[in-house]
Amino acid sequence: MLKEACVENFTNVPGVIARGAKRIELCDNLAVGGTTPSVGVIKIATDYCSDKAVPVIVILRPRGGDFVYSIMEKAIMMRDLEEIIALHSHGIAVGALTAANELDKPFLEEITKLAIDNGIELVFHMAFDHIPEDKQRDALLWLGKIGFTRILTHGGPAGNTIFDNAAHIAELAKISPDMTILPGGGITKDNLVELEKVLEFTEVHGTRIV
């Protein structure tokens, strides 16, 4: 079981690695669901984790709130991506939607080209849970086609527990064998064993996963 720890800033990175985290999702402002951390935080965290052979996934998100971005916000995200690449992070977690909560395909293609050309892994974060369920299959397949390797998902409304959403997460996992479905949202080191009894998965994400 690969445990990905979602960490705000650098402060807790050494501790979660010492407790068994094998991958870091690095962000700022967890109170709003995570935003892109500063260049300094990315640099120090990436250097530290590289010495420990622990990959760092940096969240690419300019603000809290929805995932519908303006032209200027998209420009900010592309500039941040250039910095993330320069700092040798392993990957990014990103999501971008239209006002109808469907994939913002032109912008995601732009992100994908820059990331893949520079060896950056692509993860679609929990913006996926805002896509209507009847459109999630097509969205997942399209993301895999353009180069995303993993989807972080709570499997349903944030108000539901991860156990409530387990059946839908299992269905998502069946859609494409090449896409890793990463459960997250309310999973902790204390309920992980119980979740393993109702859901098969090889990776897990959380702020209190270790």
Protein backbone atom coordinates (compact mmCIF):
# COMPACT_ATOMS: atom_id res chain seq x y z
CA MET A 1 0.00 0.00 0.00
CA LEU A 2 1.52 3.27 -1.14
CA LYS A 3 0.54 6.05 1.25
CA GLU A 4 0.50 9.54 -0.25
CA ALA A 5 0.51 12.23 2.43
CA CYS A 6 -1.10 15.55 1.57
CA VAL A 7 1.07 18.13 3.30
CA GLU A 8 0.67 21.87 3.74
CA ASN A 9 3.96 23.73 3.36
CA PHE A 10 7.26 21.99 4.23
CA THR A 11 6.89 21.81 8.02
CA ASN A 12 5.36 18.34 8.22
CA VAL A 13 7.21 16.72 5.32
CA PRO A 14 10.05 15.16 7.35
CA GLY A 15 7.60 13.76 9.90
CA VAL A 16 5.22 12.09 7.44
CA ILE A 17 8.13 10.50 5.58
CA ALA A 18 9.53 9.18 8.86
CA ARG A 19 6.09 7.68 9.59
CA GLY A 20 5.93 5.86 6.26
CA ALA A 21 4.62 8.19 3.54
CA LYS A 22 6.02 7.08 0.18
CA ARG A 23 4.77 10.05 -1.84
CA ILE A 24 4.00 13.67 -0.99
CA GLU A 25 1.28 15.88 -2.39
CA LEU A 26 2.57 19.35 -1.61
CA CYS A 27 0.23 22.30 -1.27
CA ASP A 28 -0.60 25.45 0.65
CA ASN A 29 -3.92 26.61 2.12
CA LEU A 30 -5.45 23.26 3.00
CA ALA A 31 -8.37 25.17 4.55
CA VAL A 32 -9.61 25.84 0.98
CA GLY A 33 -8.65 22.42 -0.36
CA GLY A 34 -5.07 23.27 -1.31
CA THR A 35 -3.39 25.82 -3.57
CA THR A 36 0.00 26.02 -5.26
CA PRO A 37 2.79 26.50 -2.70
CA SER A 38 5.56 29.08 -3.07
CA VAL A 39 8.69 28.51 -5.13
CA GLY A 40 10.73 28.35 -1.93
CA VAL A 41 8.52 25.66 -0.41
CA ILE A 42 8.60 23.59 -3.62
CA LYS A 43 12.39 23.90 -3.87
CA ILE A 44 13.14 22.88 -0.28
CA ALA A 45 10.53 20.09 -0.21
CA THR A 46 11.62 18.67 -3.56
CA ASP A 47 15.30 18.69 -2.60
CA TYR A 48 14.56 17.06 0.76
CA CYS A 49 12.29 14.40 -0.72
CA SER A 50 14.71 13.65 -3.54
CA ASP A 51 17.34 12.72 -0.97
CA LYS A 52 14.78 10.34 0.56
CA ALA A 53 13.69 8.91 -2.84
CA VAL A 54 10.13 10.14 -2.19
CA PRO A 55 8.29 11.66 -5.20
CA VAL A 56 6.64 15.07 -4.80
CA ILE A 57 3.37 15.92 -6.53
CA VAL A 58 2.74 19.68 -6.45
CA ILE A 59 -0.82 20.92 -6.59
CA LEU A 60 -1.37 23.35 -9.47
CA ARG A 61 -4.28 25.49 -8.30
CA PRO A 62 -4.19 29.30 -8.08
CA ARG A 63 -7.01 29.73 -5.55
CA GLY A 64 -9.74 28.02 -3.59
CA GLY A 65 -13.31 27.78 -4.77
CA ASP A 66 -14.41 26.25 -8.03
CA PHE A 67 -12.26 24.89 -10.86
CA VAL A 68 -13.43 27.22 -13.60
CA TYR A 69 -10.48 29.46 -14.39
CA SER A 70 -10.24 32.83 -16.12
CA ILE A 71 -7.73 33.61 -18.84
CA MET A 72 -5.47 35.34 -16.33
CA GLU A 73 -5.72 32.46 -13.85
CA LYS A 74 -4.75 30.04 -16.59
CA ALA A 75 -1.74 32.20 -17.40
CA ILE A 76 -0.76 32.08 -13.72
CA MET A 77 -1.07 28.29 -13.69
CA MET A 78 1.09 27.88 -16.78
CA ARG A 79 3.76 30.13 -15.27
CA ASP A 80 3.61 28.16 -12.01
CA LEU A 81 3.96 24.95 -14.01
CA GLU A 82 7.14 26.28 -15.60
CA GLU A 83 8.54 26.88 -12.10
CA ILE A 84 7.48 23.43 -10.90
CA ILE A 85 9.28 21.88 -13.87
CA ALA A 86 12.42 23.94 -13.21
CA LEU A 87 12.46 22.75 -9.59
CA HIS A 88 12.40 19.08 -10.67
CA SER A 89 9.20 18.02 -8.96
CA HIS A 90 7.93 14.59 -9.94
CA GLY A 91 4.44 15.62 -10.97
CA ILE A 92 1.44 17.91 -10.60
CA ALA A 93 -2.11 17.47 -9.36
CA VAL A 94 -4.44 19.66 -11.39
CA GLY A 95 -8.05 19.98 -12.41
CA ALA A 96 -9.88 22.41 -14.68
CA LEU A 97 -13.57 22.43 -15.55
CA THR A 98 -16.06 24.39 -17.61
CA ALA A 99 -19.02 26.21 -16.12
CA ALA A 100 -21.04 23.04 -16.82
CA ASN A 101 -18.60 21.01 -14.69
CA GLU A 102 -17.16 19.19 -17.66
CA LEU A 103 -13.45 18.95 -18.49
CA ASP A 104 -11.85 22.12 -19.80
CA LYS A 105 -10.21 20.14 -22.58
CA PRO A 106 -8.31 22.90 -24.43
CA PHE A 107 -6.64 24.10 -21.23
CA LEU A 108 -5.91 20.58 -19.99
CA GLU A 109 -4.31 19.78 -23.34
CA GLU A 110 -2.10 22.87 -22.96
CA ILE A 111 -1.03 21.77 -19.48
CA THR A 112 -0.48 18.21 -20.62
CA LYS A 113 1.80 19.16 -23.50
CA LEU A 114 4.10 21.26 -21.31
CA ALA A 115 4.14 18.69 -18.52
CA ILE A 116 4.75 15.58 -20.63
CA ASP A 117 7.39 17.31 -22.74
CA ASN A 118 9.27 17.87 -19.50
CA GLY A 119 8.74 14.48 -17.87
CA ILE A 120 6.14 15.63 -15.34
CA GLU A 121 3.54 13.10 -14.14
CA LEU A 122 -0.08 14.21 -14.40
CA VAL A 123 -2.68 13.63 -11.70
CA PHE A 124 -6.26 14.89 -11.94
CA HIS A 125 -7.32 15.96 -8.46
CA MET A 126 -10.71 16.02 -6.73
CA ALA A 127 -12.17 18.42 -9.26
CA PHE A 128 -13.10 15.08 -10.83
CA ASP A 129 -15.82 14.65 -8.21
CA HIS A 130 -17.60 17.76 -9.54
CA ILE A 131 -18.11 16.15 -12.95
CA PRO A 132 -21.62 14.65 -13.27
CA GLU A 133 -21.46 10.89 -12.68
CA ASP A 134 -22.91 10.08 -16.11
CA LYS A 135 -19.97 11.92 -17.71
CA GLN A 136 -17.19 10.57 -15.50
CA ARG A 137 -16.48 7.46 -17.58
CA ASP A 138 -15.83 9.48 -20.74
CA ALA A 139 -13.82 12.02 -18.73
CA LEU A 140 -11.63 9.31 -17.22
CA LEU A 141 -10.94 7.71 -20.60
CA TRP A 142 -10.12 11.07 -22.19
CA LEU A 143 -7.73 11.99 -19.37
CA GLY A 144 -5.94 8.68 -19.80
CA LYS A 145 -5.71 9.21 -23.54
CA ILE A 146 -3.96 12.58 -23.19
CA GLY A 147 -1.49 11.39 -20.57
CA PHE A 148 -2.93 11.52 -17.07
CA THR A 149 -1.91 8.47 -15.05
CA ARG A 150 -3.89 8.91 -11.85
CA ILE A 151 -7.16 10.36 -10.58
CA LEU A 152 -7.56 11.47 -6.97
CA THR A 153 -11.19 11.03 -5.99
CA HIS A 154 -13.50 10.94 -3.01
CA GLY A 155 -15.91 9.03 -5.21
CA GLY A 156 -18.86 11.32 -4.62
CA PRO A 157 -20.12 14.33 -2.66
CA ALA A 158 -17.74 15.67 -0.03
CA GLY A 159 -20.50 15.30 2.54
CA ASN A 160 -20.48 11.52 2.11
CA THR A 161 -17.94 9.38 3.91
CA ILE A 162 -15.39 7.47 1.86
CA PHE A 163 -17.28 4.32 2.85
CA ASP A 164 -20.49 5.75 1.36
CA ASN A 165 -18.65 6.29 -1.92
CA ALA A 166 -16.66 3.04 -2.00
CA ALA A 167 -18.91 1.33 -4.55
CA HIS A 168 -18.53 4.18 -7.04
CA ILE A 169 -14.76 4.27 -6.55
CA ALA A 170 -14.69 0.56 -7.33
CA GLU A 171 -16.65 1.19 -10.54
CA LEU A 172 -14.25 3.91 -11.61
CA ALA A 173 -11.33 1.54 -11.07
CA LYS A 174 -12.82 -0.91 -13.59
CA ILE A 175 -13.00 1.59 -16.45
CA SER A 176 -9.35 1.71 -17.47
CA PRO A 177 -6.62 -0.65 -16.26
CA ASP A 178 -3.98 1.94 -17.16
CA MET A 179 -5.42 4.61 -14.88
CA THR A 180 -4.77 4.49 -11.13
CA ILE A 181 -7.73 5.50 -9.01
CA LEU A 182 -6.42 7.10 -5.81
CA PRO A 183 -9.02 7.23 -3.01
CA GLY A 184 -8.89 10.27 -0.76
CA GLY A 185 -10.94 12.48 1.47
CA GLY A 186 -11.56 11.37 5.05
CA ILE A 187 -9.17 8.41 4.95
CA THR A 188 -6.88 8.19 7.98
CA LYS A 189 -4.43 5.71 9.47
CA ASP A 190 -7.24 4.79 11.87
CA ASN A 191 -9.91 3.79 9.33
CA LEU A 192 -7.64 2.49 6.56
CA VAL A 193 -7.85 -1.15 7.65
CA GLU A 194 -11.65 -1.02 7.62
CA LEU A 195 -11.67 0.58 4.17
CA GLU A 196 -9.46 -2.19 2.80
CA LYS A 197 -12.21 -4.66 3.72
CA VAL A 198 -14.71 -3.00 1.36
CA LEU A 199 -12.51 -1.56 -1.39
CA GLU A 200 -9.52 -2.89 -3.32
CA PHE A 201 -6.80 -0.33 -3.96
CA THR A 202 -3.01 -0.13 -4.00
CA GLU A 203 -2.53 3.58 -3.23
CA VAL A 204 -4.24 5.92 -0.78
CA HIS A 205 -4.19 9.66 -0.09
CA GLY A 206 -4.82 11.78 2.98
CA THR A 207 -3.68 14.48 5.35
CA ARG A 208 -3.67 11.99 8.24
CA ILE A 209 -2.77 8.82 6.35
CA VAL A 210 0.37 8.14 8.43
